[in-house]
Amino acid sequence: MSASVLPVLAGAEEATRELPMPPLVYGILMLALFVLLLAFTWSFRGTAYKVRDKHSNTSGGGHH
């Protein structure tokens, strides 16, 4: 039984798929995506203070 399995396993090693890009390009793309997401998050800094100040100036009923 093991003699019939060996040719199948040997053939399975040859059936590999190549990546469409080098692995380094995947790392560079993920780093660029991370930097873009960081910039998007950074653009919202101070937003809570702006919203709080806007609501505190318009409320005249003594609600805090």
N, C-alpha and C. Protein backbone atom coordinates (compact mmCIF):
# COMPACT_ATOMS: atom_id res chain seq x y z
N MET A 1 0.82 -1.19 0.00
CA MET A 1 0.00 0.00 0.00
C MET A 1 0.87 1.26 0.00
N SER A 2 1.97 1.27 0.73
CA SER A 2 2.81 2.45 0.77
C SER A 2 3.49 2.70 -0.57
N ALA A 3 3.71 1.66 -1.34
CA ALA A 3 4.34 1.82 -2.65
C ALA A 3 3.40 2.56 -3.62
N SER A 4 2.10 2.42 -3.45
CA SER A 4 1.17 3.10 -4.34
C SER A 4 0.93 4.55 -3.91
N VAL A 5 1.26 4.88 -2.68
CA VAL A 5 1.06 6.25 -2.18
C VAL A 5 2.24 7.14 -2.53
N LEU A 6 3.43 6.58 -2.61
CA LEU A 6 4.62 7.39 -2.88
C LEU A 6 4.56 8.16 -4.20
N PRO A 7 4.15 7.57 -5.30
CA PRO A 7 4.06 8.37 -6.54
C PRO A 7 3.06 9.52 -6.45
N VAL A 8 1.97 9.31 -5.70
CA VAL A 8 0.98 10.38 -5.55
C VAL A 8 1.58 11.53 -4.74
N LEU A 9 2.31 11.20 -3.68
CA LEU A 9 2.94 12.25 -2.88
C LEU A 9 4.04 12.96 -3.65
N ALA A 10 4.77 12.25 -4.46
CA ALA A 10 5.83 12.88 -5.26
C ALA A 10 5.21 13.83 -6.29
N GLY A 11 4.09 13.47 -6.86
CA GLY A 11 3.41 14.33 -7.83
C GLY A 11 2.78 15.54 -7.17
N ALA A 12 2.38 15.41 -5.91
CA ALA A 12 1.76 16.52 -5.20
C ALA A 12 2.77 17.62 -4.90
N GLU A 13 4.02 17.28 -4.73
CA GLU A 13 5.04 18.29 -4.45
C GLU A 13 5.27 19.20 -5.65
N GLU A 14 5.09 18.68 -6.84
CA GLU A 14 5.34 19.47 -8.05
C GLU A 14 4.20 20.42 -8.38
N ALA A 15 3.02 20.17 -7.83
CA ALA A 15 1.85 20.99 -8.16
C ALA A 15 1.75 22.17 -7.19
N THR A 16 2.71 23.08 -7.25
CA THR A 16 2.68 24.27 -6.40
C THR A 16 2.23 25.46 -7.23
N ARG A 17 1.73 26.46 -6.54
CA ARG A 17 1.27 27.67 -7.22
C ARG A 17 2.22 28.80 -6.88
N GLU A 18 2.52 29.59 -7.86
CA GLU A 18 3.38 30.75 -7.67
C GLU A 18 2.53 31.94 -7.20
N LEU A 19 3.11 32.78 -6.38
CA LEU A 19 2.44 34.00 -5.97
C LEU A 19 2.44 34.98 -7.15
N PRO A 20 1.41 35.80 -7.28
CA PRO A 20 1.39 36.75 -8.40
C PRO A 20 2.41 37.87 -8.24
N MET A 21 2.88 38.11 -7.00
CA MET A 21 3.88 39.14 -6.74
C MET A 21 4.92 38.57 -5.79
N PRO A 22 6.09 39.16 -5.74
CA PRO A 22 7.07 38.72 -4.75
C PRO A 22 6.57 39.00 -3.33
N PRO A 23 6.99 38.21 -2.35
CA PRO A 23 6.52 38.40 -0.97
C PRO A 23 6.83 39.79 -0.42
N LEU A 24 7.91 40.40 -0.85
CA LEU A 24 8.27 41.73 -0.37
C LEU A 24 7.21 42.77 -0.76
N VAL A 25 6.61 42.61 -1.93
CA VAL A 25 5.58 43.54 -2.39
C VAL A 25 4.36 43.46 -1.49
N TYR A 26 4.00 42.26 -1.02
CA TYR A 26 2.88 42.11 -0.09
C TYR A 26 3.16 42.87 1.20
N GLY A 27 4.37 42.79 1.70
CA GLY A 27 4.73 43.52 2.91
C GLY A 27 4.65 45.02 2.72
N ILE A 28 5.13 45.50 1.58
CA ILE A 28 5.09 46.93 1.29
C ILE A 28 3.65 47.41 1.16
N LEU A 29 2.81 46.64 0.50
CA LEU A 29 1.40 47.01 0.36
C LEU A 29 0.69 47.06 1.71
N MET A 30 0.96 46.10 2.57
CA MET A 30 0.32 46.09 3.89
C MET A 30 0.82 47.25 4.75
N LEU A 31 2.09 47.60 4.62
CA LEU A 31 2.62 48.74 5.35
C LEU A 31 1.97 50.03 4.87
N ALA A 32 1.80 50.17 3.57
CA ALA A 32 1.14 51.35 3.01
C ALA A 32 -0.32 51.42 3.46
N LEU A 33 -1.00 50.29 3.48
CA LEU A 33 -2.39 50.25 3.96
C LEU A 33 -2.46 50.65 5.42
N PHE A 34 -1.54 50.17 6.23
CA PHE A 34 -1.51 50.52 7.64
C PHE A 34 -1.28 52.02 7.83
N VAL A 35 -0.39 52.61 7.05
CA VAL A 35 -0.13 54.05 7.15
C VAL A 35 -1.36 54.85 6.73
N LEU A 36 -2.06 54.40 5.68
CA LEU A 36 -3.29 55.09 5.26
C LEU A 36 -4.37 55.01 6.34
N LEU A 37 -4.53 53.85 6.96
CA LEU A 37 -5.51 53.73 8.03
C LEU A 37 -5.12 54.57 9.24
N LEU A 38 -3.83 54.65 9.52
CA LEU A 38 -3.35 55.49 10.61
C LEU A 38 -3.64 56.96 10.33
N ALA A 39 -3.43 57.39 9.09
CA ALA A 39 -3.72 58.78 8.72
C ALA A 39 -5.21 59.07 8.81
N PHE A 40 -6.04 58.11 8.42
CA PHE A 40 -7.49 58.28 8.51
C PHE A 40 -7.91 58.41 9.98
N THR A 41 -7.37 57.58 10.83
CA THR A 41 -7.68 57.66 12.26
C THR A 41 -7.16 58.97 12.85
N TRP A 42 -5.98 59.39 12.46
CA TRP A 42 -5.38 60.61 12.98
C TRP A 42 -6.19 61.85 12.58
N SER A 43 -6.91 61.76 11.46
CA SER A 43 -7.69 62.91 11.01
C SER A 43 -8.86 63.20 11.94
N PHE A 44 -9.26 62.26 12.79
CA PHE A 44 -10.37 62.45 13.71
C PHE A 44 -9.91 62.92 15.09
N ARG A 45 -8.65 63.27 15.27
CA ARG A 45 -8.18 63.71 16.58
C ARG A 45 -8.85 65.03 16.96
N GLY A 46 -9.26 65.14 18.20
CA GLY A 46 -9.88 66.35 18.69
C GLY A 46 -11.35 66.49 18.33
N THR A 47 -11.93 65.52 17.67
CA THR A 47 -13.32 65.62 17.25
C THR A 47 -14.26 65.62 18.44
N ALA A 48 -13.96 64.85 19.47
CA ALA A 48 -14.84 64.79 20.65
C ALA A 48 -14.93 66.16 21.32
N TYR A 49 -13.83 66.90 21.37
CA TYR A 49 -13.86 68.22 21.98
C TYR A 49 -14.69 69.20 21.17
N LYS A 50 -14.61 69.08 19.84
CA LYS A 50 -15.39 69.97 18.99
C LYS A 50 -16.89 69.71 19.16
N VAL A 51 -17.28 68.46 19.25
CA VAL A 51 -18.69 68.11 19.42
C VAL A 51 -19.17 68.55 20.79
N ARG A 52 -18.35 68.32 21.82
CA ARG A 52 -18.73 68.70 23.18
C ARG A 52 -18.89 70.21 23.29
N ASP A 53 -17.97 70.97 22.72
CA ASP A 53 -18.05 72.43 22.78
C ASP A 53 -19.26 72.95 22.01
N LYS A 54 -19.59 72.33 20.91
CA LYS A 54 -20.73 72.75 20.10
C LYS A 54 -22.03 72.55 20.88
N HIS A 55 -22.14 71.42 21.56
CA HIS A 55 -23.36 71.13 22.31
C HIS A 55 -23.44 71.94 23.61
N SER A 56 -22.32 72.27 24.22
CA SER A 56 -22.34 73.02 25.47
C SER A 56 -22.71 74.48 25.23
N ASN A 57 -22.40 75.03 24.06
CA ASN A 57 -22.74 76.43 23.77
C ASN A 57 -24.21 76.62 23.42
N THR A 58 -24.85 75.61 22.86
CA THR A 58 -26.22 75.77 22.40
C THR A 58 -27.25 75.38 23.45
N SER A 59 -26.85 74.67 24.50
CA SER A 59 -27.84 74.25 25.50
C SER A 59 -28.04 75.38 26.51
N GLY A 60 -29.25 75.84 26.64
CA GLY A 60 -29.53 76.94 27.54
C GLY A 60 -30.36 76.54 28.73
N GLY A 61 -30.65 75.24 28.90
CA GLY A 61 -31.53 74.80 29.94
C GLY A 61 -30.83 74.37 31.23
N GLY A 62 -29.56 74.59 31.34
CA GLY A 62 -28.83 74.19 32.53
C GLY A 62 -28.45 72.71 32.56
N HIS A 63 -28.60 72.02 31.45
CA HIS A 63 -28.20 70.61 31.39
C HIS A 63 -26.70 70.54 31.15
N HIS A 64 -26.05 69.67 31.90
CA HIS A 64 -24.59 69.54 31.76
C HIS A 64 -24.25 68.20 31.21
